Amino acid sequence: MQTLILLSLLLALLHIWLLPMILNAKNMEYLLSNRDGAVEESGMSGRVRRASTNFKESFPVFLALCLLSIIVEVDNTSLAMYWLIFRALYLIAYAAGIIYLRTLLWFGSLVCLIMMAVSFV
């Protein structure tokens, strides 16, 4: 489970910092500034930003469930791994603009979180 938590933190780094920075490299002056005003972003950059916002909404729940699994000694390893795979594929699908697949992947990750929570009952 600890490895999956570390991998999910790596995914968070990719989601929240690396991809937005790489896709906005042309706006480096803006990124190094106080970020006053607006910046023009590409379609893919906007999709990655929105995927990042969605990731930030579910990531704390995932971490809490993983830590609770370790503390209570409930084996949610496979569900956590599936969540991680769904979220990584979700990022790729969202960035590529594949809307229906993106929605299915999001739903799959949500089901994983629900199943992780139910395993404590």
C-alpha atoms as a PDB file:
ATOM      1  CA  MET A   1       0.000   0.000   0.000  1.00  0.00           C
ATOM      2  CA  GLN A   2       2.877   2.367   0.782  1.00  0.00           C
ATOM      3  CA  THR A   3       4.205   1.977  -2.752  1.00  0.00           C
ATOM      4  CA  LEU A   4       0.798   2.881  -4.173  1.00  0.00           C
ATOM      5  CA  ILE A   5       0.643   5.963  -1.963  1.00  0.00           C
ATOM      6  CA  LEU A   6       4.070   7.035  -3.249  1.00  0.00           C
ATOM      7  CA  LEU A   7       3.004   6.391  -6.847  1.00  0.00           C
ATOM      8  CA  SER A   8      -0.167   8.421  -6.279  1.00  0.00           C
ATOM      9  CA  LEU A   9       1.973  11.287  -4.947  1.00  0.00           C
ATOM     10  CA  LEU A  10       4.034  11.056  -8.122  1.00  0.00           C
ATOM     11  CA  LEU A  11       0.822  11.232 -10.144  1.00  0.00           C
ATOM     12  CA  ALA A  12      -0.196  14.287  -8.098  1.00  0.00           C
ATOM     13  CA  LEU A  13       3.131  15.931  -8.923  1.00  0.00           C
ATOM     14  CA  LEU A  14       2.560  15.193 -12.602  1.00  0.00           C
ATOM     15  CA  HIS A  15      -1.046  16.436 -12.479  1.00  0.00           C
ATOM     16  CA  ILE A  16      -0.573  19.567 -10.445  1.00  0.00           C
ATOM     17  CA  TRP A  17       2.883  20.798 -11.345  1.00  0.00           C
ATOM     18  CA  LEU A  18       4.806  19.084 -14.160  1.00  0.00           C
ATOM     19  CA  LEU A  19       2.229  18.891 -16.965  1.00  0.00           C
ATOM     20  CA  PRO A  20       0.857  22.408 -16.446  1.00  0.00           C
ATOM     21  CA  MET A  21       4.412  23.782 -16.369  1.00  0.00           C
ATOM     22  CA  ILE A  22       5.476  21.902 -19.510  1.00  0.00           C
ATOM     23  CA  LEU A  23       2.343  22.866 -21.436  1.00  0.00           C
ATOM     24  CA  ASN A  24       2.758  26.526 -20.385  1.00  0.00           C
ATOM     25  CA  ALA A  25       6.492  26.742 -21.129  1.00  0.00           C
ATOM     26  CA  LYS A  26       5.788  29.517 -23.655  1.00  0.00           C
ATOM     27  CA  ASN A  27       4.369  31.556 -20.743  1.00  0.00           C
ATOM     28  CA  MET A  28       7.481  31.189 -18.589  1.00  0.00           C
ATOM     29  CA  GLU A  29       7.585  34.901 -17.771  1.00  0.00           C
ATOM     30  CA  TYR A  30       4.045  34.613 -16.402  1.00  0.00           C
ATOM     31  CA  LEU A  31       4.892  31.456 -14.427  1.00  0.00           C
ATOM     32  CA  LEU A  32       7.875  33.181 -12.808  1.00  0.00           C
ATOM     33  CA  SER A  33       5.870  36.301 -11.973  1.00  0.00           C
ATOM     34  CA  ASN A  34       3.242  37.079  -9.335  1.00  0.00           C
ATOM     35  CA  ARG A  35       0.691  35.744 -11.855  1.00  0.00           C
ATOM     36  CA  ASP A  36      -1.361  38.912 -11.975  1.00  0.00           C
ATOM     37  CA  GLY A  37      -3.701  39.001 -14.947  1.00  0.00           C
ATOM     38  CA  ALA A  38      -4.668  36.251 -17.327  1.00  0.00           C
ATOM     39  CA  VAL A  39      -2.602  34.042 -19.567  1.00  0.00           C
ATOM     40  CA  GLU A  40      -3.556  32.487 -22.879  1.00  0.00           C
ATOM     41  CA  GLU A  41      -3.625  28.701 -22.712  1.00  0.00           C
ATOM     42  CA  SER A  42      -3.988  26.024 -25.338  1.00  0.00           C
ATOM     43  CA  GLY A  43      -6.926  23.633 -25.423  1.00  0.00           C
ATOM     44  CA  MET A  44      -4.797  20.809 -24.054  1.00  0.00           C
ATOM     45  CA  SER A  45      -3.406  23.033 -21.316  1.00  0.00           C
ATOM     46  CA  GLY A  46      -6.949  23.926 -20.238  1.00  0.00           C
ATOM     47  CA  ARG A  47      -7.991  20.279 -20.219  1.00  0.00           C
ATOM     48  CA  VAL A  48      -4.959  19.333 -18.104  1.00  0.00           C
ATOM     49  CA  ARG A  49      -5.773  22.173 -15.682  1.00  0.00           C
ATOM     50  CA  ARG A  50      -9.379  20.956 -15.364  1.00  0.00           C
ATOM     51  CA  ALA A  51      -8.190  17.347 -14.909  1.00  0.00           C
ATOM     52  CA  SER A  52      -5.895  18.598 -12.160  1.00  0.00           C
ATOM     53  CA  THR A  53      -8.796  20.310 -10.410  1.00  0.00           C
ATOM     54  CA  ASN A  54     -10.789  17.082 -10.575  1.00  0.00           C
ATOM     55  CA  PHE A  55      -7.809  15.120  -9.238  1.00  0.00           C
ATOM     56  CA  LYS A  56      -7.478  17.484  -6.267  1.00  0.00           C
ATOM     57  CA  GLU A  57     -11.102  16.726  -5.348  1.00  0.00           C
ATOM     58  CA  SER A  58     -10.650  12.953  -5.078  1.00  0.00           C
ATOM     59  CA  PHE A  59      -7.005  12.664  -4.015  1.00  0.00           C
ATOM     60  CA  PRO A  60      -7.533  13.508  -0.302  1.00  0.00           C
ATOM     61  CA  VAL A  61     -10.260  10.849  -0.075  1.00  0.00           C
ATOM     62  CA  PHE A  62      -7.936   8.311  -1.683  1.00  0.00           C
ATOM     63  CA  LEU A  63      -5.090   9.126   0.705  1.00  0.00           C
ATOM     64  CA  ALA A  64      -7.393   8.962   3.733  1.00  0.00           C
ATOM     65  CA  LEU A  65      -8.743   5.571   2.665  1.00  0.00           C
ATOM     66  CA  CYS A  66      -5.224   4.234   2.037  1.00  0.00           C
ATOM     67  CA  LEU A  67      -3.969   5.397   5.417  1.00  0.00           C
ATOM     68  CA  LEU A  68      -7.051   4.010   7.127  1.00  0.00           C
ATOM     69  CA  SER A  69      -6.463   0.705   5.339  1.00  0.00           C
ATOM     70  CA  ILE A  70      -2.948   0.556   6.760  1.00  0.00           C
ATOM     71  CA  ILE A  71      -4.053   1.496  10.274  1.00  0.00           C
ATOM     72  CA  VAL A  72      -7.030  -0.879  10.417  1.00  0.00           C
ATOM     73  CA  GLU A  73      -5.133  -3.550   8.438  1.00  0.00           C
ATOM     74  CA  VAL A  74      -7.734  -3.906   5.701  1.00  0.00           C
ATOM     75  CA  ASP A  75      -6.317  -5.048   2.364  1.00  0.00           C
ATOM     76  CA  ASN A  76      -7.418  -2.458  -0.189  1.00  0.00           C
ATOM     77  CA  THR A  77      -4.244  -2.785  -2.241  1.00  0.00           C
ATOM     78  CA  SER A  78      -5.873  -3.952  -5.463  1.00  0.00           C
ATOM     79  CA  LEU A  79      -8.602  -1.293  -5.276  1.00  0.00           C
ATOM     80  CA  ALA A  80      -5.967   1.381  -4.649  1.00  0.00           C
ATOM     81  CA  MET A  81      -3.972   0.102  -7.621  1.00  0.00           C
ATOM     82  CA  TYR A  82      -7.063   0.196  -9.850  1.00  0.00           C
ATOM     83  CA  TRP A  83      -7.821   3.748  -8.653  1.00  0.00           C
ATOM     84  CA  LEU A  84      -4.291   4.792  -9.552  1.00  0.00           C
ATOM     85  CA  ILE A  85      -4.553   3.207 -13.006  1.00  0.00           C
ATOM     86  CA  PHE A  86      -7.970   4.785 -13.634  1.00  0.00           C
ATOM     87  CA  ARG A  87      -6.672   8.225 -12.601  1.00  0.00           C
ATOM     88  CA  ALA A  88      -3.543   7.968 -14.769  1.00  0.00           C
ATOM     89  CA  LEU A  89      -5.628   6.901 -17.773  1.00  0.00           C
ATOM     90  CA  TYR A  90      -8.157   9.636 -16.931  1.00  0.00           C
ATOM     91  CA  LEU A  91      -5.406  12.252 -17.206  1.00  0.00           C
ATOM     92  CA  ILE A  92      -4.339  10.895 -20.593  1.00  0.00           C
ATOM     93  CA  ALA A  93      -7.923  10.701 -21.878  1.00  0.00           C
ATOM     94  CA  TYR A  94      -8.770  14.195 -20.615  1.00  0.00           C
ATOM     95  CA  ALA A  95      -5.605  15.718 -22.106  1.00  0.00           C
ATOM     96  CA  ALA A  96      -6.342  14.003 -25.436  1.00  0.00           C
ATOM     97  CA  GLY A  97      -9.975  15.166 -25.367  1.00  0.00           C
ATOM     98  CA  ILE A  98     -11.535  11.679 -25.391  1.00  0.00           C
ATOM     99  CA  ILE A  99     -14.766  12.588 -23.604  1.00  0.00           C
ATOM    100  CA  TYR A 100     -16.669   9.307 -23.213  1.00  0.00           C
ATOM    101  CA  LEU A 101     -13.641   7.257 -22.196  1.00  0.00           C
ATOM    102  CA  ARG A 102     -12.676  10.015 -19.741  1.00  0.00           C
ATOM    103  CA  THR A 103     -16.109   9.780 -18.106  1.00  0.00           C
ATOM    104  CA  LEU A 104     -15.913   5.979 -17.801  1.00  0.00           C
ATOM    105  CA  LEU A 105     -12.447   6.212 -16.246  1.00  0.00           C
ATOM    106  CA  TRP A 106     -13.654   8.825 -13.764  1.00  0.00           C
ATOM    107  CA  PHE A 107     -16.602   6.604 -12.852  1.00  0.00           C
ATOM    108  CA  GLY A 108     -14.264   3.626 -12.396  1.00  0.00           C
ATOM    109  CA  SER A 109     -12.079   5.604 -10.012  1.00  0.00           C
ATOM    110  CA  LEU A 110     -15.162   6.675  -8.052  1.00  0.00           C
ATOM    111  CA  VAL A 111     -16.319   3.050  -7.765  1.00  0.00           C
ATOM    112  CA  CYS A 112     -12.867   2.126  -6.420  1.00  0.00           C
ATOM    113  CA  LEU A 113     -13.141   4.777  -3.698  1.00  0.00           C
ATOM    114  CA  ILE A 114     -16.626   3.600  -2.746  1.00  0.00           C
ATOM    115  CA  MET A 115     -15.493  -0.025  -2.615  1.00  0.00           C
ATOM    116  CA  MET A 116     -12.490   0.932  -0.479  1.00  0.00           C
ATOM    117  CA  ALA A 117     -14.815   2.710   1.960  1.00  0.00           C
ATOM    118  CA  VAL A 118     -17.302  -0.181   2.021  1.00  0.00           C
ATOM    119  CA  SER A 119     -14.507  -2.610   2.910  1.00  0.00           C
ATOM    120  CA  PHE A 120     -14.366  -1.060   6.388  1.00  0.00           C
ATOM    121  CA  VAL A 121     -17.973  -1.946   7.167  1.00  0.00           C
END
